[in-house]
Amino acid sequence: MTISGFAFSTLTVMPGATVTVKNADSAAHTVKVNGTNVDVNVPGGGTATFTAPATAGTYPLTCDFHPAMHGVLTVAG
């Protein structure tokens, strides 16, 4: 998954997959997977990883630092 221009790219993964997030912005962001306990910090220009939910579904994404940022993580089962 890439964060660029204060926007999340779309991503579909398998349940329990390791997701790598690349932040192409200079500002720090978080990736909060709503409905789960995933909330990772991604430094400006940096990367972070998290484990996708184990249950298939569509999960809204938000950034704690920038409330206007929204995206979707799809877990295919």
PDB file of N, CA and C in Angstrom:
ATOM      1  N   MET A   1       0.855  -1.166   0.000  1.00  0.00           N
ATOM      2  CA  MET A   1       0.000   0.000   0.000  1.00  0.00           C
ATOM      3  C   MET A   1       0.904   1.232   0.000  1.00  0.00           C
ATOM      4  N   THR A   2       0.486   2.250  -0.738  1.00  0.00           N
ATOM      5  CA  THR A   2       1.233   3.500  -0.790  1.00  0.00           C
ATOM      6  C   THR A   2       0.353   4.642  -0.308  1.00  0.00           C
ATOM      7  N   ILE A   3       0.956   5.549   0.449  1.00  0.00           N
ATOM      8  CA  ILE A   3       0.307   6.810   0.803  1.00  0.00           C
ATOM      9  C   ILE A   3       1.023   7.884  -0.010  1.00  0.00           C
ATOM     10  N   SER A   4       0.261   8.603  -0.816  1.00  0.00           N
ATOM     11  CA  SER A   4       0.838   9.656  -1.651  1.00  0.00           C
ATOM     12  C   SER A   4      -0.202  10.744  -1.842  1.00  0.00           C
ATOM     13  N   GLY A   5       0.222  11.990  -1.686  1.00  0.00           N
ATOM     14  CA  GLY A   5      -0.717  13.090  -1.833  1.00  0.00           C
ATOM     15  C   GLY A   5      -1.834  13.056  -0.809  1.00  0.00           C
ATOM     16  N   PHE A   6      -1.497  12.583   0.401  1.00  0.00           N
ATOM     17  CA  PHE A   6      -2.465  12.470   1.495  1.00  0.00           C
ATOM     18  C   PHE A   6      -3.638  11.567   1.120  1.00  0.00           C
ATOM     19  N   ALA A   7      -3.333  10.480   0.375  1.00  0.00           N
ATOM     20  CA  ALA A   7      -4.361   9.509  -0.026  1.00  0.00           C
ATOM     21  C   ALA A   7      -3.786   8.098   0.060  1.00  0.00           C
ATOM     22  N   PHE A   8      -4.645   7.158   0.455  1.00  0.00           N
ATOM     23  CA  PHE A   8      -4.271   5.747   0.504  1.00  0.00           C
ATOM     24  C   PHE A   8      -4.511   5.105  -0.860  1.00  0.00           C
ATOM     25  N   SER A   9      -3.581   4.246  -1.311  1.00  0.00           N
ATOM     26  CA  SER A   9      -3.862   3.451  -2.510  1.00  0.00           C
ATOM     27  C   SER A   9      -4.829   2.339  -2.122  1.00  0.00           C
ATOM     28  N   THR A  10      -5.513   1.776  -3.116  1.00  0.00           N
ATOM     29  CA  THR A  10      -6.405   0.648  -2.840  1.00  0.00           C
ATOM     30  C   THR A  10      -5.569  -0.628  -2.761  1.00  0.00           C
ATOM     31  N   LEU A  11      -6.039  -1.583  -1.979  1.00  0.00           N
ATOM     32  CA  LEU A  11      -5.292  -2.817  -1.801  1.00  0.00           C
ATOM     33  C   LEU A  11      -6.239  -3.951  -1.442  1.00  0.00           C
ATOM     34  N   THR A  12      -6.012  -5.107  -2.063  1.00  0.00           N
ATOM     35  CA  THR A  12      -6.719  -6.334  -1.717  1.00  0.00           C
ATOM     36  C   THR A  12      -5.677  -7.359  -1.310  1.00  0.00           C
ATOM     37  N   VAL A  13      -5.859  -7.957  -0.133  1.00  0.00           N
ATOM     38  CA  VAL A  13      -4.914  -8.939   0.404  1.00  0.00           C
ATOM     39  C   VAL A  13      -5.664 -10.159   0.918  1.00  0.00           C
ATOM     40  N   MET A  14      -4.925 -11.203   1.187  1.00  0.00           N
ATOM     41  CA  MET A  14      -5.484 -12.399   1.802  1.00  0.00           C
ATOM     42  C   MET A  14      -5.531 -12.206   3.318  1.00  0.00           C
ATOM     43  N   PRO A  15      -6.426 -12.909   4.011  1.00  0.00           N
ATOM     44  CA  PRO A  15      -6.494 -12.795   5.465  1.00  0.00           C
ATOM     45  C   PRO A  15      -5.143 -13.108   6.120  1.00  0.00           C
ATOM     46  N   GLY A  16      -4.748 -12.279   7.059  1.00  0.00           N
ATOM     47  CA  GLY A  16      -3.511 -12.493   7.809  1.00  0.00           C
ATOM     48  C   GLY A  16      -2.237 -12.130   7.073  1.00  0.00           C
ATOM     49  N   ALA A  17      -2.356 -11.553   5.872  1.00  0.00           N
ATOM     50  CA  ALA A  17      -1.163 -11.178   5.089  1.00  0.00           C
ATOM     51  C   ALA A  17      -0.416 -10.040   5.769  1.00  0.00           C
ATOM     52  N   THR A  18       0.895  -9.991   5.545  1.00  0.00           N
ATOM     53  CA  THR A  18       1.689  -8.864   5.997  1.00  0.00           C
ATOM     54  C   THR A  18       1.573  -7.759   4.963  1.00  0.00           C
ATOM     55  N   VAL A  19       1.179  -6.579   5.410  1.00  0.00           N
ATOM     56  CA  VAL A  19       0.993  -5.425   4.526  1.00  0.00           C
ATOM     57  C   VAL A  19       2.116  -4.436   4.802  1.00  0.00           C
ATOM     58  N   THR A  20       2.820  -4.047   3.746  1.00  0.00           N
ATOM     59  CA  THR A  20       3.850  -3.016   3.853  1.00  0.00           C
ATOM     60  C   THR A  20       3.274  -1.709   3.329  1.00  0.00           C
ATOM     61  N   VAL A  21       3.428  -0.668   4.115  1.00  0.00           N
ATOM     62  CA  VAL A  21       2.927   0.654   3.760  1.00  0.00           C
ATOM     63  C   VAL A  21       4.119   1.551   3.469  1.00  0.00           C
ATOM     64  N   LYS A  22       4.135   2.157   2.280  1.00  0.00           N
ATOM     65  CA  LYS A  22       5.176   3.115   1.913  1.00  0.00           C
ATOM     66  C   LYS A  22       4.552   4.495   1.908  1.00  0.00           C
ATOM     67  N   ASN A  23       5.141   5.409   2.663  1.00  0.00           N
ATOM     68  CA  ASN A  23       4.655   6.780   2.736  1.00  0.00           C
ATOM     69  C   ASN A  23       5.503   7.642   1.790  1.00  0.00           C
ATOM     70  N   ALA A  24       4.927   8.054   0.671  1.00  0.00           N
ATOM     71  CA  ALA A  24       5.626   8.897  -0.295  1.00  0.00           C
ATOM     72  C   ALA A  24       5.527  10.379   0.061  1.00  0.00           C
ATOM     73  N   ASP A  25       4.740  10.714   1.073  1.00  0.00           N
ATOM     74  CA  ASP A  25       4.612  12.104   1.521  1.00  0.00           C
ATOM     75  C   ASP A  25       5.725  12.444   2.503  1.00  0.00           C
ATOM     76  N   SER A  26       6.004  13.738   2.659  1.00  0.00           N
ATOM     77  CA  SER A  26       7.000  14.152   3.646  1.00  0.00           C
ATOM     78  C   SER A  26       6.404  14.207   5.050  1.00  0.00           C
ATOM     79  N   ALA A  27       5.081  14.279   5.146  1.00  0.00           N
ATOM     80  CA  ALA A  27       4.393  14.309   6.436  1.00  0.00           C
ATOM     81  C   ALA A  27       4.181  12.894   6.967  1.00  0.00           C
ATOM     82  N   ALA A  28       4.238  12.742   8.270  1.00  0.00           N
ATOM     83  CA  ALA A  28       3.927  11.458   8.898  1.00  0.00           C
ATOM     84  C   ALA A  28       2.432  11.184   8.807  1.00  0.00           C
ATOM     85  N   HIS A  29       2.085   9.909   8.715  1.00  0.00           N
ATOM     86  CA  HIS A  29       0.693   9.479   8.685  1.00  0.00           C
ATOM     87  C   HIS A  29       0.527   8.277   9.601  1.00  0.00           C
ATOM     88  N   THR A  30      -0.710   7.914   9.855  1.00  0.00           N
ATOM     89  CA  THR A  30      -1.003   6.627  10.483  1.00  0.00           C
ATOM     90  C   THR A  30      -1.924   5.863   9.541  1.00  0.00           C
ATOM     91  N   VAL A  31      -1.916   4.553   9.709  1.00  0.00           N
ATOM     92  CA  VAL A  31      -2.889   3.713   9.015  1.00  0.00           C
ATOM     93  C   VAL A  31      -3.703   3.044  10.109  1.00  0.00           C
ATOM     94  N   LYS A  32      -4.924   3.488  10.249  1.00  0.00           N
ATOM     95  CA  LYS A  32      -5.847   2.904  11.211  1.00  0.00           C
ATOM     96  C   LYS A  32      -6.854   2.075  10.428  1.00  0.00           C
ATOM     97  N   VAL A  33      -6.877   0.759  10.716  1.00  0.00           N
ATOM     98  CA  VAL A  33      -7.825  -0.141  10.066  1.00  0.00           C
ATOM     99  C   VAL A  33      -9.036  -0.216  10.984  1.00  0.00           C
ATOM    100  N   ASN A  34     -10.084   0.523  10.641  1.00  0.00           N
ATOM    101  CA  ASN A  34     -11.253   0.618  11.502  1.00  0.00           C
ATOM    102  C   ASN A  34     -11.922  -0.740  11.690  1.00  0.00           C
ATOM    103  N   GLY A  35     -12.350  -0.993  12.917  1.00  0.00           N
ATOM    104  CA  GLY A  35     -12.955  -2.271  13.260  1.00  0.00           C
ATOM    105  C   GLY A  35     -11.938  -3.290  13.749  1.00  0.00           C
ATOM    106  N   THR A  36     -10.652  -2.873  13.808  1.00  0.00           N
ATOM    107  CA  THR A  36      -9.580  -3.741  14.303  1.00  0.00           C
ATOM    108  C   THR A  36      -8.726  -2.934  15.275  1.00  0.00           C
ATOM    109  N   ASN A  37      -7.686  -3.567  15.806  1.00  0.00           N
ATOM    110  CA  ASN A  37      -6.762  -2.839  16.680  1.00  0.00           C
ATOM    111  C   ASN A  37      -5.524  -2.355  15.928  1.00  0.00           C
ATOM    112  N   VAL A  38      -5.528  -2.433  14.593  1.00  0.00           N
ATOM    113  CA  VAL A  38      -4.391  -1.982  13.791  1.00  0.00           C
ATOM    114  C   VAL A  38      -4.398  -0.459  13.708  1.00  0.00           C
ATOM    115  N   ASP A  39      -3.290   0.156  14.112  1.00  0.00           N
ATOM    116  CA  ASP A  39      -3.096   1.604  14.035  1.00  0.00           C
ATOM    117  C   ASP A  39      -1.594   1.838  14.051  1.00  0.00           C
ATOM    118  N   VAL A  40      -0.970   1.920  12.863  1.00  0.00           N
ATOM    119  CA  VAL A  40       0.487   2.024  12.771  1.00  0.00           C
ATOM    120  C   VAL A  40       0.906   3.416  12.314  1.00  0.00           C
ATOM    121  N   ASN A  41       2.028   3.874  12.852  1.00  0.00           N
ATOM    122  CA  ASN A  41       2.624   5.144  12.448  1.00  0.00           C
ATOM    123  C   ASN A  41       3.546   4.903  11.269  1.00  0.00           C
ATOM    124  N   VAL A  42       3.466   5.778  10.267  1.00  0.00           N
ATOM    125  CA  VAL A  42       4.319   5.683   9.087  1.00  0.00           C
ATOM    126  C   VAL A  42       5.022   7.033   8.930  1.00  0.00           C
ATOM    127  N   PRO A  43       6.323   7.097   9.232  1.00  0.00           N
ATOM    128  CA  PRO A  43       7.017   8.380   9.150  1.00  0.00           C
ATOM    129  C   PRO A  43       7.060   8.912   7.716  1.00  0.00           C
ATOM    130  N   GLY A  44       7.188  10.222   7.580  1.00  0.00           N
ATOM    131  CA  GLY A  44       7.303  10.817   6.257  1.00  0.00           C
ATOM    132  C   GLY A  44       8.464  10.192   5.499  1.00  0.00           C
ATOM    133  N   GLY A  45       8.210   9.725   4.289  1.00  0.00           N
ATOM    134  CA  GLY A  45       9.233   9.080   3.483  1.00  0.00           C
ATOM    135  C   GLY A  45       9.610   7.691   3.931  1.00  0.00           C
ATOM    136  N   GLY A  46       8.905   7.148   4.915  1.00  0.00           N
ATOM    137  CA  GLY A  46       9.272   5.859   5.495  1.00  0.00           C
ATOM    138  C   GLY A  46       8.282   4.751   5.180  1.00  0.00           C
ATOM    139  N   THR A  47       8.485   3.628   5.845  1.00  0.00           N
ATOM    140  CA  THR A  47       7.614   2.473   5.681  1.00  0.00           C
ATOM    141  C   THR A  47       7.227   1.910   7.038  1.00  0.00           C
ATOM    142  N   ALA A  48       6.178   1.115   7.027  1.00  0.00           N
ATOM    143  CA  ALA A  48       5.726   0.384   8.213  1.00  0.00           C
ATOM    144  C   ALA A  48       4.995  -0.856   7.720  1.00  0.00           C
ATOM    145  N   THR A  49       4.832  -1.836   8.600  1.00  0.00           N
ATOM    146  CA  THR A  49       4.095  -3.047   8.243  1.00  0.00           C
ATOM    147  C   THR A  49       3.034  -3.329   9.295  1.00  0.00           C
ATOM    148  N   PHE A  50       2.004  -4.053   8.862  1.00  0.00           N
ATOM    149  CA  PHE A  50       0.991  -4.551   9.789  1.00  0.00           C
ATOM    150  C   PHE A  50       0.421  -5.834   9.224  1.00  0.00           C
ATOM    151  N   THR A  51      -0.260  -6.574  10.071  1.00  0.00           N
ATOM    152  CA  THR A  51      -0.901  -7.814   9.659  1.00  0.00           C
ATOM    153  C   THR A  51      -2.358  -7.532   9.344  1.00  0.00           C
ATOM    154  N   ALA A  52      -2.786  -7.956   8.146  1.00  0.00           N
ATOM    155  CA  ALA A  52      -4.170  -7.753   7.725  1.00  0.00           C
ATOM    156  C   ALA A  52      -5.111  -8.549   8.634  1.00  0.00           C
ATOM    157  N   PRO A  53      -6.337  -8.093   8.773  1.00  0.00           N
ATOM    158  CA  PRO A  53      -7.317  -8.839   9.563  1.00  0.00           C
ATOM    159  C   PRO A  53      -7.466 -10.283   9.057  1.00  0.00           C
ATOM    160  N   ALA A  54      -7.813 -11.170   9.972  1.00  0.00           N
ATOM    161  CA  ALA A  54      -7.973 -12.588   9.636  1.00  0.00           C
ATOM    162  C   ALA A  54      -9.329 -12.888   9.015  1.00  0.00           C
ATOM    163  N   THR A  55     -10.252 -11.938   9.096  1.00  0.00           N
ATOM    164  CA  THR A  55     -11.600 -12.131   8.579  1.00  0.00           C
ATOM    165  C   THR A  55     -11.780 -11.349   7.287  1.00  0.00           C
ATOM    166  N   ALA A  56     -12.285 -12.022   6.258  1.00  0.00           N
ATOM    167  CA  ALA A  56     -12.527 -11.363   4.976  1.00  0.00           C
ATOM    168  C   ALA A  56     -13.541 -10.236   5.143  1.00  0.00           C
ATOM    169  N   GLY A  57     -13.359  -9.182   4.363  1.00  0.00           N
ATOM    170  CA  GLY A  57     -14.290  -8.065   4.400  1.00  0.00           C
ATOM    171  C   GLY A  57     -13.647  -6.814   3.875  1.00  0.00           C
ATOM    172  N   THR A  58     -14.389  -5.731   3.947  1.00  0.00           N
ATOM    173  CA  THR A  58     -13.916  -4.421   3.519  1.00  0.00           C
ATOM    174  C   THR A  58     -13.751  -3.560   4.758  1.00  0.00           C
ATOM    175  N   TYR A  59     -12.546  -3.043   4.951  1.00  0.00           N
ATOM    176  CA  TYR A  59     -12.213  -2.301   6.156  1.00  0.00           C
ATOM    177  C   TYR A  59     -11.867  -0.858   5.802  1.00  0.00           C
ATOM    178  N   PRO A  60     -12.576   0.119   6.378  1.00  0.00           N
ATOM    179  CA  PRO A  60     -12.238   1.521   6.151  1.00  0.00           C
ATOM    180  C   PRO A  60     -10.885   1.856   6.778  1.00  0.00           C
ATOM    181  N   LEU A  61     -10.128   2.707   6.096  1.00  0.00           N
ATOM    182  CA  LEU A  61      -8.843   3.189   6.593  1.00  0.00           C
ATOM    183  C   LEU A  61      -8.948   4.674   6.898  1.00  0.00           C
ATOM    184  N   THR A  62      -8.296   5.098   7.972  1.00  0.00           N
ATOM    185  CA  THR A  62      -8.209   6.513   8.306  1.00  0.00           C
ATOM    186  C   THR A  62      -6.808   6.813   8.813  1.00  0.00           C
ATOM    187  N   CYS A  63      -6.506   8.116   8.890  1.00  0.00           N
ATOM    188  CA  CYS A  63      -5.238   8.588   9.442  1.00  0.00           C
ATOM    189  C   CYS A  63      -5.553   9.404  10.691  1.00  0.00           C
ATOM    190  N   ASP A  64      -4.912   9.062  11.804  1.00  0.00           N
ATOM    191  CA  ASP A  64      -5.152   9.789  13.046  1.00  0.00           C
ATOM    192  C   ASP A  64      -4.738  11.262  12.940  1.00  0.00           C
ATOM    193  N   PHE A  65      -3.702  11.544  12.137  1.00  0.00           N
ATOM    194  CA  PHE A  65      -3.180  12.905  12.031  1.00  0.00           C
ATOM    195  C   PHE A  65      -3.973  13.766  11.050  1.00  0.00           C
ATOM    196  N   HIS A  66      -4.606  13.129  10.056  1.00  0.00           N
ATOM    197  CA  HIS A  66      -5.291  13.859   8.988  1.00  0.00           C
ATOM    198  C   HIS A  66      -6.690  13.258   8.788  1.00  0.00           C
ATOM    199  N   PRO A  67      -7.674  13.756   9.518  1.00  0.00           N
ATOM    200  CA  PRO A  67      -9.024  13.162   9.513  1.00  0.00           C
ATOM    201  C   PRO A  67      -9.704  13.117   8.147  1.00  0.00           C
ATOM    202  N   ALA A  68      -9.259  13.930   7.193  1.00  0.00           N
ATOM    203  CA  ALA A  68      -9.874  13.921   5.866  1.00  0.00           C
ATOM    204  C   ALA A  68      -9.390  12.745   5.016  1.00  0.00           C
ATOM    205  N   MET A  69      -8.347  12.050   5.471  1.00  0.00           N
ATOM    206  CA  MET A  69      -7.825  10.915   4.709  1.00  0.00           C
ATOM    207  C   MET A  69      -8.684   9.679   4.967  1.00  0.00           C
ATOM    208  N   HIS A  70      -9.158   9.075   3.878  1.00  0.00           N
ATOM    209  CA  HIS A  70      -9.949   7.857   3.977  1.00  0.00           C
ATOM    210  C   HIS A  70      -9.529   6.910   2.871  1.00  0.00           C
ATOM    211  N   GLY A  71      -9.607   5.622   3.143  1.00  0.00           N
ATOM    212  CA  GLY A  71      -9.305   4.606   2.146  1.00  0.00           C
ATOM    213  C   GLY A  71     -10.008   3.313   2.513  1.00  0.00           C
ATOM    214  N   VAL A  72      -9.694   2.262   1.749  1.00  0.00           N
ATOM    215  CA  VAL A  72     -10.333   0.967   1.977  1.00  0.00           C
ATOM    216  C   VAL A  72      -9.291  -0.130   1.813  1.00  0.00           C
ATOM    217  N   LEU A  73      -9.290  -1.064   2.758  1.00  0.00           N
ATOM    218  CA  LEU A  73      -8.510  -2.289   2.650  1.00  0.00           C
ATOM    219  C   LEU A  73      -9.494  -3.431   2.460  1.00  0.00           C
ATOM    220  N   THR A  74      -9.322  -4.178   1.385  1.00  0.00           N
ATOM    221  CA  THR A  74     -10.180  -5.324   1.127  1.00  0.00           C
ATOM    222  C   THR A  74      -9.413  -6.594   1.471  1.00  0.00           C
ATOM    223  N   VAL A  75     -10.002  -7.408   2.342  1.00  0.00           N
ATOM    224  CA  VAL A  75      -9.432  -8.712   2.700  1.00  0.00           C
ATOM    225  C   VAL A  75     -10.287  -9.749   2.005  1.00  0.00           C
ATOM    226  N   ALA A  76      -9.676 -10.448   1.048  1.00  0.00           N
ATOM    227  CA  ALA A  76     -10.399 -11.441   0.256  1.00  0.00           C
ATOM    228  C   ALA A  76     -10.303 -12.794   0.931  1.00  0.00           C
ATOM    229  N   GLY A  77     -11.371 -13.527   0.925  1.00  0.00           N
ATOM    230  CA  GLY A  77     -11.359 -14.819   1.562  1.00  0.00           C
ATOM    231  C   GLY A  77     -11.842 -15.839   0.613  1.00  0.00           C
TER     232      GLY A  77
END
